[in-house]
Amino acid sequence: ETVQYPVTGVLNAPGLEVAEARDINPLDVDYLPYLDSLETELNVIGQDWKYFDLTNFVWVIDLTRAYFIKLPDEHLWQVFFLDFEGSGTGVTLLGKTDLGSLSSIDDPESNFSSAGLFPNPAQGQFTVSFSLKNRQERLPLTLLDQLGRIVWRTEIVGQSGLNVLQVPIGNLPTGLYRLVLGQGRDRWASPVVVE
């Protein structure tokens, strides 16, 4: 039998947003379903990712849990715990993955508040996530080659708040492309490397 044991935990710094994913494989969990559950509370990670097994006198780590951490600069990380030596030393072993940037839009008149594209470089498909201040009925999404030619184009309905799209790249030749979301002054663009 295991008993909860008062132990040290992890608090996130002010300004960070954290989401917890439970009952998953940290090596292949997709962060997209957790983006809308990011919280600013300091104890989202807390101490319950581990417990002390009094029978075997060892710390047991919950290996089916991961955390997604968004920095104030819109950079996203995944963290998961692998080992804990105990409250005597506080030494903790963790895995971390840099998931890239969800870039923010600085123009106060733009309908976009943030946008990001990942993975980059991409194989097979990439993901575009963006936040809109207001719903937008006909939002163009265009992929251009290095010469500025349209390789792929579609229009989507952008919802107010977070939007996440999977963009298939099919049989595109390896190279550098440019993704443009929106049009005119109110647009966001990012380079995309196709492998």
Foldseek 3Di string as FASTA:
>chain_A
DFDADDFFWFWDDQQKWKFKDAQAQLVDDDCVVGPVVTHRGGCNRPHVQWGAGPVVRAIDGRNRMKMWMAHNQQWIKIKGWDGAPGRVVRDTDMDMDGFGGFHADDPPPAQWGTKDKDDAQDEFKIKIKTAGQAKDQWKKKFKAAPVRDTPDIDTDTRHHTMDMDIGGPPPDDFDKIKIWIGDDPRIDMDIGTYD
